[in-house]
N, C-alpha and C. Protein backbone atom coordinates (compact mmCIF):
# COMPACT_ATOMS: atom_id res chain seq x y z
N MET A 1 18.94 -184.78 -45.84
CA MET A 1 18.99 -183.94 -44.65
C MET A 1 19.58 -182.58 -44.98
N GLN A 2 20.55 -182.55 -45.88
CA GLN A 2 21.18 -181.28 -46.23
C GLN A 2 20.16 -180.29 -46.80
N GLU A 3 19.23 -180.79 -47.63
CA GLU A 3 18.24 -179.91 -48.21
C GLU A 3 17.36 -179.30 -47.14
N SER A 4 16.92 -180.09 -46.17
CA SER A 4 16.05 -179.55 -45.13
C SER A 4 16.80 -178.55 -44.25
N LEU A 5 18.09 -178.79 -44.01
CA LEU A 5 18.87 -177.81 -43.26
C LEU A 5 18.98 -176.52 -44.04
N SER A 6 19.22 -176.63 -45.34
CA SER A 6 19.30 -175.46 -46.19
C SER A 6 17.97 -174.72 -46.20
N GLN A 7 16.87 -175.45 -46.29
CA GLN A 7 15.54 -174.84 -46.28
C GLN A 7 15.29 -174.14 -44.95
N LEU A 8 15.66 -174.78 -43.86
CA LEU A 8 15.50 -174.17 -42.54
C LEU A 8 16.28 -172.86 -42.46
N GLU A 9 17.50 -172.87 -42.95
CA GLU A 9 18.31 -171.65 -42.92
C GLU A 9 17.70 -170.57 -43.82
N ASN A 10 17.15 -170.96 -44.96
CA ASN A 10 16.47 -169.99 -45.83
C ASN A 10 15.29 -169.36 -45.12
N VAL A 11 14.50 -170.16 -44.44
CA VAL A 11 13.32 -169.66 -43.73
C VAL A 11 13.75 -168.78 -42.56
N ARG A 12 14.77 -169.20 -41.82
CA ARG A 12 15.27 -168.37 -40.72
C ARG A 12 15.74 -167.01 -41.22
N THR A 13 16.47 -167.02 -42.33
CA THR A 13 16.95 -165.76 -42.91
C THR A 13 15.79 -164.89 -43.36
N LEU A 14 14.80 -165.49 -44.01
CA LEU A 14 13.63 -164.76 -44.47
C LEU A 14 12.92 -164.10 -43.28
N LEU A 15 12.74 -164.85 -42.19
CA LEU A 15 12.07 -164.29 -41.01
C LEU A 15 12.90 -163.18 -40.38
N ALA A 16 14.20 -163.37 -40.29
CA ALA A 16 15.07 -162.33 -39.71
C ALA A 16 14.94 -161.03 -40.50
N GLU A 17 14.91 -161.16 -41.83
CA GLU A 17 14.77 -159.97 -42.68
C GLU A 17 13.39 -159.35 -42.53
N ALA A 18 12.36 -160.17 -42.56
CA ALA A 18 10.99 -159.65 -42.48
C ALA A 18 10.72 -158.97 -41.13
N LEU A 19 11.26 -159.55 -40.07
CA LEU A 19 11.02 -159.02 -38.72
C LEU A 19 12.08 -158.01 -38.30
N GLN A 20 13.12 -157.86 -39.12
CA GLN A 20 14.21 -156.94 -38.85
C GLN A 20 14.85 -157.22 -37.49
N VAL A 21 15.23 -158.49 -37.31
CA VAL A 21 15.91 -158.93 -36.09
C VAL A 21 17.17 -159.68 -36.49
N PRO A 22 18.15 -159.79 -35.58
CA PRO A 22 19.34 -160.59 -35.89
C PRO A 22 18.98 -162.06 -36.10
N LEU A 23 19.69 -162.69 -37.01
CA LEU A 23 19.45 -164.11 -37.31
C LEU A 23 19.54 -164.97 -36.05
N ASP A 24 20.42 -164.61 -35.14
CA ASP A 24 20.57 -165.37 -33.90
C ASP A 24 19.28 -165.41 -33.07
N ASN A 25 18.40 -164.42 -33.25
CA ASN A 25 17.13 -164.38 -32.52
C ASN A 25 16.08 -165.31 -33.12
N VAL A 26 16.34 -165.83 -34.31
CA VAL A 26 15.37 -166.66 -35.02
C VAL A 26 15.74 -168.13 -34.84
N ARG A 27 15.26 -168.71 -33.75
CA ARG A 27 15.51 -170.12 -33.44
C ARG A 27 14.72 -171.01 -34.40
N PRO A 28 15.19 -172.24 -34.63
CA PRO A 28 14.48 -173.15 -35.53
C PRO A 28 13.06 -173.50 -35.07
N ASP A 29 12.75 -173.33 -33.78
CA ASP A 29 11.41 -173.66 -33.28
C ASP A 29 10.58 -172.42 -33.00
N LEU A 30 10.98 -171.27 -33.55
CA LEU A 30 10.30 -170.00 -33.31
C LEU A 30 8.84 -170.07 -33.74
N ARG A 31 7.98 -169.46 -32.91
CA ARG A 31 6.54 -169.42 -33.19
C ARG A 31 6.04 -167.98 -33.14
N PHE A 32 4.89 -167.77 -33.75
CA PHE A 32 4.20 -166.48 -33.70
C PHE A 32 4.09 -166.04 -32.24
N GLY A 33 4.49 -164.81 -31.96
CA GLY A 33 4.40 -164.28 -30.61
C GLY A 33 5.64 -164.49 -29.75
N ASP A 34 6.57 -165.35 -30.19
CA ASP A 34 7.79 -165.57 -29.41
C ASP A 34 8.67 -164.33 -29.37
N LEU A 35 8.64 -163.55 -30.43
CA LEU A 35 9.35 -162.28 -30.49
C LEU A 35 8.32 -161.16 -30.58
N PRO A 36 8.57 -160.02 -29.95
CA PRO A 36 7.61 -158.90 -30.06
C PRO A 36 7.36 -158.50 -31.51
N GLN A 37 8.38 -158.67 -32.36
CA GLN A 37 8.24 -158.29 -33.77
C GLN A 37 7.32 -159.22 -34.55
N TRP A 38 7.15 -160.47 -34.06
CA TRP A 38 6.26 -161.40 -34.78
C TRP A 38 4.85 -161.27 -34.21
N ASP A 39 4.28 -160.11 -34.51
CA ASP A 39 2.90 -159.83 -34.18
C ASP A 39 2.10 -159.93 -35.48
N SER A 40 0.88 -159.42 -35.49
CA SER A 40 0.06 -159.57 -36.70
C SER A 40 0.67 -158.83 -37.90
N MET A 41 1.26 -157.66 -37.66
CA MET A 41 1.89 -156.94 -38.77
C MET A 41 3.16 -157.67 -39.24
N GLY A 42 3.94 -158.15 -38.30
CA GLY A 42 5.13 -158.92 -38.66
C GLY A 42 4.77 -160.18 -39.42
N HIS A 43 3.66 -160.80 -39.03
CA HIS A 43 3.22 -162.02 -39.70
C HIS A 43 2.88 -161.73 -41.17
N MET A 44 2.22 -160.62 -41.42
CA MET A 44 1.88 -160.28 -42.80
C MET A 44 3.15 -159.99 -43.61
N GLU A 45 4.14 -159.38 -42.99
CA GLU A 45 5.41 -159.13 -43.67
C GLU A 45 6.08 -160.46 -44.05
N ILE A 46 6.04 -161.42 -43.12
CA ILE A 46 6.60 -162.74 -43.39
C ILE A 46 5.87 -163.39 -44.56
N MET A 47 4.54 -163.31 -44.56
CA MET A 47 3.75 -163.93 -45.63
C MET A 47 4.07 -163.29 -46.98
N MET A 48 4.21 -161.97 -47.00
CA MET A 48 4.54 -161.30 -48.27
C MET A 48 5.93 -161.71 -48.74
N ASN A 49 6.88 -161.83 -47.81
CA ASN A 49 8.23 -162.27 -48.19
C ASN A 49 8.23 -163.71 -48.69
N LEU A 50 7.42 -164.57 -48.06
CA LEU A 50 7.31 -165.95 -48.54
C LEU A 50 6.84 -165.96 -49.99
N GLU A 51 5.85 -165.14 -50.29
CA GLU A 51 5.32 -165.11 -51.66
C GLU A 51 6.38 -164.60 -52.64
N THR A 52 7.05 -163.53 -52.30
CA THR A 52 7.99 -162.95 -53.26
C THR A 52 9.31 -163.72 -53.34
N GLN A 53 9.85 -164.13 -52.21
CA GLN A 53 11.16 -164.77 -52.22
C GLN A 53 11.10 -166.26 -52.50
N MET A 54 10.02 -166.92 -52.10
CA MET A 54 9.92 -168.37 -52.29
C MET A 54 9.03 -168.73 -53.48
N GLY A 55 8.35 -167.73 -54.05
CA GLY A 55 7.53 -167.97 -55.23
C GLY A 55 6.31 -168.84 -54.97
N ILE A 56 5.73 -168.69 -53.76
CA ILE A 56 4.53 -169.46 -53.46
C ILE A 56 3.36 -168.49 -53.24
N GLU A 57 2.16 -169.02 -53.38
CA GLU A 57 0.97 -168.23 -53.09
C GLU A 57 0.48 -168.60 -51.70
N VAL A 58 0.25 -167.61 -50.88
CA VAL A 58 -0.26 -167.82 -49.53
C VAL A 58 -1.65 -167.22 -49.47
N ASN A 59 -2.67 -168.09 -49.39
CA ASN A 59 -4.04 -167.60 -49.35
C ASN A 59 -4.49 -167.35 -47.90
N ALA A 60 -5.67 -166.81 -47.74
CA ALA A 60 -6.18 -166.43 -46.41
C ALA A 60 -6.24 -167.63 -45.47
N ASP A 61 -6.62 -168.78 -45.97
CA ASP A 61 -6.71 -169.97 -45.11
C ASP A 61 -5.32 -170.43 -44.65
N THR A 62 -4.34 -170.28 -45.51
CA THR A 62 -2.99 -170.73 -45.20
C THR A 62 -2.29 -169.81 -44.21
N ILE A 63 -2.56 -168.52 -44.29
CA ILE A 63 -1.89 -167.55 -43.42
C ILE A 63 -2.01 -167.94 -41.95
N SER A 64 -3.17 -168.41 -41.55
CA SER A 64 -3.40 -168.72 -40.13
C SER A 64 -2.73 -170.03 -39.71
N THR A 65 -2.24 -170.82 -40.66
CA THR A 65 -1.58 -172.08 -40.31
C THR A 65 -0.06 -171.95 -40.26
N LEU A 66 0.47 -170.91 -40.87
CA LEU A 66 1.93 -170.75 -40.95
C LEU A 66 2.42 -169.91 -39.78
N ILE A 67 2.28 -170.44 -38.58
CA ILE A 67 2.56 -169.67 -37.37
C ILE A 67 3.82 -170.13 -36.64
N SER A 68 4.65 -170.91 -37.31
CA SER A 68 5.92 -171.33 -36.71
C SER A 68 6.89 -171.66 -37.84
N ILE A 69 8.16 -171.67 -37.51
CA ILE A 69 9.15 -172.04 -38.52
C ILE A 69 8.93 -173.48 -38.98
N PRO A 70 8.68 -174.45 -38.07
CA PRO A 70 8.41 -175.81 -38.56
C PRO A 70 7.19 -175.87 -39.49
N ALA A 71 6.15 -175.11 -39.20
CA ALA A 71 4.95 -175.12 -40.07
C ALA A 71 5.27 -174.53 -41.43
N ILE A 72 6.07 -173.47 -41.47
CA ILE A 72 6.45 -172.86 -42.74
C ILE A 72 7.31 -173.83 -43.56
N CYS A 73 8.29 -174.46 -42.92
CA CYS A 73 9.14 -175.42 -43.62
C CYS A 73 8.33 -176.59 -44.16
N ASP A 74 7.39 -177.08 -43.36
CA ASP A 74 6.53 -178.18 -43.80
C ASP A 74 5.69 -177.77 -45.00
N TYR A 75 5.13 -176.57 -44.95
CA TYR A 75 4.31 -176.06 -46.06
C TYR A 75 5.16 -175.97 -47.34
N LEU A 76 6.37 -175.43 -47.21
CA LEU A 76 7.24 -175.31 -48.38
C LEU A 76 7.58 -176.68 -48.95
N ALA A 77 7.86 -177.64 -48.07
CA ALA A 77 8.20 -179.00 -48.53
C ALA A 77 7.03 -179.64 -49.27
N LYS A 78 5.82 -179.44 -48.76
CA LYS A 78 4.62 -180.03 -49.39
C LYS A 78 4.25 -179.35 -50.69
N ASN A 79 4.71 -178.13 -50.87
CA ASN A 79 4.35 -177.38 -52.07
C ASN A 79 5.51 -177.25 -53.05
N GLY A 80 6.46 -178.18 -52.93
CA GLY A 80 7.54 -178.25 -53.90
C GLY A 80 8.62 -177.21 -53.77
N LYS A 81 8.68 -176.52 -52.63
CA LYS A 81 9.69 -175.49 -52.44
C LYS A 81 10.68 -175.89 -51.36
N GLY A 82 10.61 -177.16 -50.92
CA GLY A 82 11.45 -177.58 -49.80
C GLY A 82 12.71 -178.27 -50.21
């Protein structure tokens, strides 16, 4: 459980940085569109940060599925980054 909490906090921090919002605004159940900053441009910033900070490749098909913090955490867990 500790690892998943750590992963959740890493993802929350990554999103806060990518969207340039306070960490407190990034709830664990946050979804695309919940914040004005998480629009299509914000989403691409998140995807680029995932690639650079988490060392994963995000292809065009995957981009459209990573639309919430739970989806991102699940993807990272399935791809050995969780």
